[in-house]
Amino acid sequence: MAHINIDDSEPLEKAIKRFKRMVEKEGIVREYKKREYYEKPSTILNRKNKALRRKLMKKTRRGRFEY
């Protein structure tokens, strides 16, 4: 869980910016969007396999043209 300590002399805008950066770094928004709707386990598996195939195709295409 992200939390920050604010000094009395620190501007509120700077603290908000620091908080947003921390939330982004911890991946809280990404996790929320991922869990927003239920996804069947088979759909999750298909998505992961598709990403793996895409990654392998990209790797083989890149390796084919290197001299």
PDB file of N, CA and C in Angstrom:
ATOM      1  N   MET A   1       0.842  -1.167   0.000  1.00  0.00           N
ATOM      2  CA  MET A   1       0.000   0.000   0.000  1.00  0.00           C
ATOM      3  C   MET A   1       0.890   1.234   0.000  1.00  0.00           C
ATOM      4  N   ALA A   2       0.567   2.164  -0.882  1.00  0.00           N
ATOM      5  CA  ALA A   2       1.371   3.370  -1.023  1.00  0.00           C
ATOM      6  C   ALA A   2       0.899   4.438  -0.041  1.00  0.00           C
ATOM      7  N   HIS A   3       1.848   5.023   0.642  1.00  0.00           N
ATOM      8  CA  HIS A   3       1.540   6.158   1.507  1.00  0.00           C
ATOM      9  C   HIS A   3       2.772   7.057   1.553  1.00  0.00           C
ATOM     10  N   ILE A   4       2.536   8.334   1.771  1.00  0.00           N
ATOM     11  CA  ILE A   4       3.631   9.299   1.839  1.00  0.00           C
ATOM     12  C   ILE A   4       3.451  10.169   3.070  1.00  0.00           C
ATOM     13  N   ASN A   5       4.551  10.716   3.548  1.00  0.00           N
ATOM     14  CA  ASN A   5       4.531  11.666   4.659  1.00  0.00           C
ATOM     15  C   ASN A   5       4.743  13.058   4.088  1.00  0.00           C
ATOM     16  N   ILE A   6       3.882  13.974   4.470  1.00  0.00           N
ATOM     17  CA  ILE A   6       3.943  15.329   3.943  1.00  0.00           C
ATOM     18  C   ILE A   6       4.451  16.271   5.031  1.00  0.00           C
ATOM     19  N   ASP A   7       5.462  17.061   4.699  1.00  0.00           N
ATOM     20  CA  ASP A   7       5.953  18.096   5.609  1.00  0.00           C
ATOM     21  C   ASP A   7       5.063  19.325   5.489  1.00  0.00           C
ATOM     22  N   ASP A   8       5.085  20.159   6.506  1.00  0.00           N
ATOM     23  CA  ASP A   8       4.292  21.383   6.474  1.00  0.00           C
ATOM     24  C   ASP A   8       4.790  22.349   5.399  1.00  0.00           C
ATOM     25  N   SER A   9       6.088  22.300   5.122  1.00  0.00           N
ATOM     26  CA  SER A   9       6.648  23.234   4.147  1.00  0.00           C
ATOM     27  C   SER A   9       6.521  22.728   2.708  1.00  0.00           C
ATOM     28  N   GLU A  10       6.130  21.475   2.525  1.00  0.00           N
ATOM     29  CA  GLU A  10       6.045  20.899   1.177  1.00  0.00           C
ATOM     30  C   GLU A  10       4.727  21.288   0.503  1.00  0.00           C
ATOM     31  N   PRO A  11       4.789  21.747  -0.738  1.00  0.00           N
ATOM     32  CA  PRO A  11       3.552  22.082  -1.457  1.00  0.00           C
ATOM     33  C   PRO A  11       2.712  20.827  -1.727  1.00  0.00           C
ATOM     34  N   LEU A  12       1.410  20.986  -1.712  1.00  0.00           N
ATOM     35  CA  LEU A  12       0.499  19.862  -1.911  1.00  0.00           C
ATOM     36  C   LEU A  12       0.653  19.243  -3.297  1.00  0.00           C
ATOM     37  N   GLU A  13       0.878  20.065  -4.327  1.00  0.00           N
ATOM     38  CA  GLU A  13       1.021  19.560  -5.686  1.00  0.00           C
ATOM     39  C   GLU A  13       2.228  18.627  -5.803  1.00  0.00           C
ATOM     40  N   LYS A  14       3.301  18.983  -5.124  1.00  0.00           N
ATOM     41  CA  LYS A  14       4.509  18.155  -5.166  1.00  0.00           C
ATOM     42  C   LYS A  14       4.265  16.817  -4.470  1.00  0.00           C
ATOM     43  N   ALA A  15       3.516  16.838  -3.370  1.00  0.00           N
ATOM     44  CA  ALA A  15       3.202  15.612  -2.651  1.00  0.00           C
ATOM     45  C   ALA A  15       2.297  14.709  -3.485  1.00  0.00           C
ATOM     46  N   ILE A  16       1.337  15.303  -4.174  1.00  0.00           N
ATOM     47  CA  ILE A  16       0.449  14.513  -5.036  1.00  0.00           C
ATOM     48  C   ILE A  16       1.233  13.882  -6.168  1.00  0.00           C
ATOM     49  N   LYS A  17       2.149  14.645  -6.757  1.00  0.00           N
ATOM     50  CA  LYS A  17       2.975  14.115  -7.836  1.00  0.00           C
ATOM     51  C   LYS A  17       3.835  12.955  -7.342  1.00  0.00           C
ATOM     52  N   ARG A  18       4.373  13.081  -6.133  1.00  0.00           N
ATOM     53  CA  ARG A  18       5.186  12.019  -5.547  1.00  0.00           C
ATOM     54  C   ARG A  18       4.341  10.770  -5.270  1.00  0.00           C
ATOM     55  N   PHE A  19       3.115  10.984  -4.798  1.00  0.00           N
ATOM     56  CA  PHE A  19       2.205   9.876  -4.538  1.00  0.00           C
ATOM     57  C   PHE A  19       1.839   9.146  -5.836  1.00  0.00           C
ATOM     58  N   LYS A  20       1.532   9.903  -6.885  1.00  0.00           N
ATOM     59  CA  LYS A  20       1.193   9.292  -8.173  1.00  0.00           C
ATOM     60  C   LYS A  20       2.357   8.457  -8.707  1.00  0.00           C
ATOM     61  N   ARG A  21       3.573   8.975  -8.564  1.00  0.00           N
ATOM     62  CA  ARG A  21       4.754   8.253  -9.023  1.00  0.00           C
ATOM     63  C   ARG A  21       4.914   6.942  -8.255  1.00  0.00           C
ATOM     64  N   MET A  22       4.668   6.992  -6.942  1.00  0.00           N
ATOM     65  CA  MET A  22       4.797   5.801  -6.122  1.00  0.00           C
ATOM     66  C   MET A  22       3.740   4.763  -6.490  1.00  0.00           C
ATOM     67  N   VAL A  23       2.514   5.212  -6.731  1.00  0.00           N
ATOM     68  CA  VAL A  23       1.433   4.306  -7.117  1.00  0.00           C
ATOM     69  C   VAL A  23       1.757   3.645  -8.453  1.00  0.00           C
ATOM     70  N   GLU A  24       2.272   4.413  -9.391  1.00  0.00           N
ATOM     71  CA  GLU A  24       2.640   3.866 -10.700  1.00  0.00           C
ATOM     72  C   GLU A  24       3.770   2.848 -10.562  1.00  0.00           C
ATOM     73  N   LYS A  25       4.742   3.152  -9.728  1.00  0.00           N
ATOM     74  CA  LYS A  25       5.885   2.266  -9.530  1.00  0.00           C
ATOM     75  C   LYS A  25       5.459   0.931  -8.921  1.00  0.00           C
ATOM     76  N   GLU A  26       4.508   0.972  -7.969  1.00  0.00           N
ATOM     77  CA  GLU A  26       4.046  -0.253  -7.332  1.00  0.00           C
ATOM     78  C   GLU A  26       3.051  -1.018  -8.199  1.00  0.00           C
ATOM     79  N   GLY A  27       2.543  -0.411  -9.267  1.00  0.00           N
ATOM     80  CA  GLY A  27       1.644  -1.089 -10.178  1.00  0.00           C
ATOM     81  C   GLY A  27       0.226  -1.261  -9.648  1.00  0.00           C
ATOM     82  N   ILE A  28      -0.211  -0.367  -8.789  1.00  0.00           N
ATOM     83  CA  ILE A  28      -1.535  -0.486  -8.177  1.00  0.00           C
ATOM     84  C   ILE A  28      -2.635  -0.282  -9.212  1.00  0.00           C
ATOM     85  N   VAL A  29      -2.489   0.712 -10.083  1.00  0.00           N
ATOM     86  CA  VAL A  29      -3.514   0.982 -11.088  1.00  0.00           C
ATOM     87  C   VAL A  29      -3.596  -0.168 -12.081  1.00  0.00           C
ATOM     88  N   ARG A  30      -2.450  -0.682 -12.482  1.00  0.00           N
ATOM     89  CA  ARG A  30      -2.418  -1.816 -13.426  1.00  0.00           C
ATOM     90  C   ARG A  30      -3.110  -3.028 -12.823  1.00  0.00           C
ATOM     91  N   GLU A  31      -2.842  -3.283 -11.551  1.00  0.00           N
ATOM     92  CA  GLU A  31      -3.467  -4.401 -10.852  1.00  0.00           C
ATOM     93  C   GLU A  31      -4.973  -4.207 -10.742  1.00  0.00           C
ATOM     94  N   TYR A  32      -5.411  -2.995 -10.475  1.00  0.00           N
ATOM     95  CA  TYR A  32      -6.839  -2.708 -10.384  1.00  0.00           C
ATOM     96  C   TYR A  32      -7.533  -2.982 -11.717  1.00  0.00           C
ATOM     97  N   LYS A  33      -6.938  -2.496 -12.799  1.00  0.00           N
ATOM     98  CA  LYS A  33      -7.540  -2.695 -14.115  1.00  0.00           C
ATOM     99  C   LYS A  33      -7.569  -4.174 -14.488  1.00  0.00           C
ATOM    100  N   LYS A  34      -6.558  -4.911 -14.062  1.00  0.00           N
ATOM    101  CA  LYS A  34      -6.514  -6.340 -14.368  1.00  0.00           C
ATOM    102  C   LYS A  34      -7.616  -7.085 -13.621  1.00  0.00           C
ATOM    103  N   ARG A  35      -7.930  -6.661 -12.413  1.00  0.00           N
ATOM    104  CA  ARG A  35      -8.924  -7.346 -11.585  1.00  0.00           C
ATOM    105  C   ARG A  35     -10.314  -6.708 -11.652  1.00  0.00           C
ATOM    106  N   GLU A  36     -10.490  -5.727 -12.522  1.00  0.00           N
ATOM    107  CA  GLU A  36     -11.758  -5.021 -12.594  1.00  0.00           C
ATOM    108  C   GLU A  36     -12.903  -5.958 -12.988  1.00  0.00           C
ATOM    109  N   TYR A  37     -12.635  -6.868 -13.914  1.00  0.00           N
ATOM    110  CA  TYR A  37     -13.630  -7.832 -14.361  1.00  0.00           C
ATOM    111  C   TYR A  37     -13.070  -9.231 -14.187  1.00  0.00           C
ATOM    112  N   TYR A  38     -13.965 -10.187 -13.950  1.00  0.00           N
ATOM    113  CA  TYR A  38     -13.544 -11.573 -13.809  1.00  0.00           C
ATOM    114  C   TYR A  38     -13.103 -12.102 -15.160  1.00  0.00           C
ATOM    115  N   GLU A  39     -12.004 -12.830 -15.145  1.00  0.00           N
ATOM    116  CA  GLU A  39     -11.477 -13.434 -16.352  1.00  0.00           C
ATOM    117  C   GLU A  39     -11.308 -14.922 -16.094  1.00  0.00           C
ATOM    118  N   LYS A  40     -11.877 -15.729 -16.978  1.00  0.00           N
ATOM    119  CA  LYS A  40     -11.802 -17.171 -16.797  1.00  0.00           C
ATOM    120  C   LYS A  40     -10.347 -17.627 -16.848  1.00  0.00           C
ATOM    121  N   PRO A  41     -10.008 -18.686 -16.105  1.00  0.00           N
ATOM    122  CA  PRO A  41      -8.640 -19.194 -16.126  1.00  0.00           C
ATOM    123  C   PRO A  41      -8.165 -19.588 -17.530  1.00  0.00           C
ATOM    124  N   SER A  42      -9.068 -20.132 -18.346  1.00  0.00           N
ATOM    125  CA  SER A  42      -8.679 -20.511 -19.707  1.00  0.00           C
ATOM    126  C   SER A  42      -8.336 -19.268 -20.537  1.00  0.00           C
ATOM    127  N   THR A  43      -9.040 -18.173 -20.311  1.00  0.00           N
ATOM    128  CA  THR A  43      -8.753 -16.930 -21.021  1.00  0.00           C
ATOM    129  C   THR A  43      -7.398 -16.377 -20.612  1.00  0.00           C
ATOM    130  N   ILE A  44      -7.099 -16.458 -19.336  1.00  0.00           N
ATOM    131  CA  ILE A  44      -5.791 -16.006 -18.841  1.00  0.00           C
ATOM    132  C   ILE A  44      -4.679 -16.813 -19.489  1.00  0.00           C
ATOM    133  N   LEU A  45      -4.862 -18.131 -19.537  1.00  0.00           N
ATOM    134  CA  LEU A  45      -3.859 -19.015 -20.138  1.00  0.00           C
ATOM    135  C   LEU A  45      -3.683 -18.707 -21.617  1.00  0.00           C
ATOM    136  N   ASN A  46      -4.791 -18.506 -22.328  1.00  0.00           N
ATOM    137  CA  ASN A  46      -4.703 -18.180 -23.755  1.00  0.00           C
ATOM    138  C   ASN A  46      -3.964 -16.869 -23.979  1.00  0.00           C
ATOM    139  N   ARG A  47      -4.236 -15.871 -23.138  1.00  0.00           N
ATOM    140  CA  ARG A  47      -3.575 -14.579 -23.274  1.00  0.00           C
ATOM    141  C   ARG A  47      -2.078 -14.705 -23.039  1.00  0.00           C
ATOM    142  N   LYS A  48      -1.694 -15.483 -22.026  1.00  0.00           N
ATOM    143  CA  LYS A  48      -0.272 -15.668 -21.733  1.00  0.00           C
ATOM    144  C   LYS A  48       0.438 -16.422 -22.853  1.00  0.00           C
ATOM    145  N   ASN A  49      -0.225 -17.461 -23.396  1.00  0.00           N
ATOM    146  CA  ASN A  49       0.370 -18.220 -24.498  1.00  0.00           C
ATOM    147  C   ASN A  49       0.528 -17.359 -25.743  1.00  0.00           C
ATOM    148  N   LYS A  50      -0.464 -16.530 -26.014  1.00  0.00           N
ATOM    149  CA  LYS A  50      -0.402 -15.646 -27.171  1.00  0.00           C
ATOM    150  C   LYS A  50       0.752 -14.658 -27.026  1.00  0.00           C
ATOM    151  N   ALA A  51       0.939 -14.113 -25.830  1.00  0.00           N
ATOM    152  CA  ALA A  51       2.041 -13.183 -25.587  1.00  0.00           C
ATOM    153  C   ALA A  51       3.387 -13.888 -25.741  1.00  0.00           C
ATOM    154  N   LEU A  52       3.470 -15.126 -25.289  1.00  0.00           N
ATOM    155  CA  LEU A  52       4.708 -15.890 -25.421  1.00  0.00           C
ATOM    156  C   LEU A  52       5.028 -16.161 -26.886  1.00  0.00           C
ATOM    157  N   ARG A  53       4.003 -16.554 -27.660  1.00  0.00           N
ATOM    158  CA  ARG A  53       4.217 -16.789 -29.098  1.00  0.00           C
ATOM    159  C   ARG A  53       4.674 -15.518 -29.796  1.00  0.00           C
ATOM    160  N   ARG A  54       4.053 -14.383 -29.439  1.00  0.00           N
ATOM    161  CA  ARG A  54       4.434 -13.103 -30.030  1.00  0.00           C
ATOM    162  C   ARG A  54       5.894 -12.775 -29.707  1.00  0.00           C
ATOM    163  N   LYS A  55       6.290 -13.030 -28.475  1.00  0.00           N
ATOM    164  CA  LYS A  55       7.660 -12.745 -28.043  1.00  0.00           C
ATOM    165  C   LYS A  55       8.662 -13.621 -28.796  1.00  0.00           C
ATOM    166  N   LEU A  56       8.327 -14.901 -28.954  1.00  0.00           N
ATOM    167  CA  LEU A  56       9.218 -15.811 -29.674  1.00  0.00           C
ATOM    168  C   LEU A  56       9.323 -15.447 -31.157  1.00  0.00           C
ATOM    169  N   MET A  57       8.203 -15.072 -31.769  1.00  0.00           N
ATOM    170  CA  MET A  57       8.232 -14.666 -33.178  1.00  0.00           C
ATOM    171  C   MET A  57       9.105 -13.431 -33.354  1.00  0.00           C
ATOM    172  N   LYS A  58       8.986 -12.493 -32.446  1.00  0.00           N
ATOM    173  CA  LYS A  58       9.781 -11.273 -32.523  1.00  0.00           C
ATOM    174  C   LYS A  58      11.266 -11.604 -32.386  1.00  0.00           C
ATOM    175  N   LYS A  59      11.566 -12.530 -31.478  1.00  0.00           N
ATOM    176  CA  LYS A  59      12.958 -12.904 -31.255  1.00  0.00           C
ATOM    177  C   LYS A  59      13.537 -13.610 -32.482  1.00  0.00           C
ATOM    178  N   THR A  60      12.764 -14.504 -33.101  1.00  0.00           N
ATOM    179  CA  THR A  60      13.271 -15.224 -34.283  1.00  0.00           C
ATOM    180  C   THR A  60      13.406 -14.286 -35.474  1.00  0.00           C
ATOM    181  N   ARG A  61      12.482 -13.342 -35.638  1.00  0.00           N
ATOM    182  CA  ARG A  61      12.592 -12.390 -36.744  1.00  0.00           C
ATOM    183  C   ARG A  61      13.823 -11.520 -36.588  1.00  0.00           C
ATOM    184  N   ARG A  62      14.104 -11.118 -35.363  1.00  0.00           N
ATOM    185  CA  ARG A  62      15.260 -10.254 -35.120  1.00  0.00           C
ATOM    186  C   ARG A  62      16.558 -11.024 -35.368  1.00  0.00           C
ATOM    187  N   GLY A  63      16.604 -12.271 -34.945  1.00  0.00           N
ATOM    188  CA  GLY A  63      17.819 -13.076 -35.084  1.00  0.00           C
ATOM    189  C   GLY A  63      18.108 -13.485 -36.506  1.00  0.00           C
ATOM    190  N   ARG A  64      17.090 -13.542 -37.347  1.00  0.00           N
ATOM    191  CA  ARG A  64      17.261 -13.981 -38.727  1.00  0.00           C
ATOM    192  C   ARG A  64      18.021 -12.981 -39.562  1.00  0.00           C
ATOM    193  N   PHE A  65      17.891 -11.691 -39.284  1.00  0.00           N
ATOM    194  CA  PHE A  65      18.494 -10.672 -40.121  1.00  0.00           C
ATOM    195  C   PHE A  65      19.811 -10.125 -39.594  1.00  0.00           C
ATOM    196  N   GLU A  66      20.281 -10.631 -38.485  1.00  0.00           N
ATOM    197  CA  GLU A  66      21.561 -10.150 -37.951  1.00  0.00           C
ATOM    198  C   GLU A  66      22.701 -10.810 -38.702  1.00  0.00           C
ATOM    199  N   TYR A  67      23.689 -10.015 -39.078  1.00  0.00           N
ATOM    200  CA  TYR A  67      24.853 -10.543 -39.778  1.00  0.00           C
ATOM    201  C   TYR A  67      26.105 -10.301 -39.032  1.00  0.00           C
TER     202      TYR A  67
END
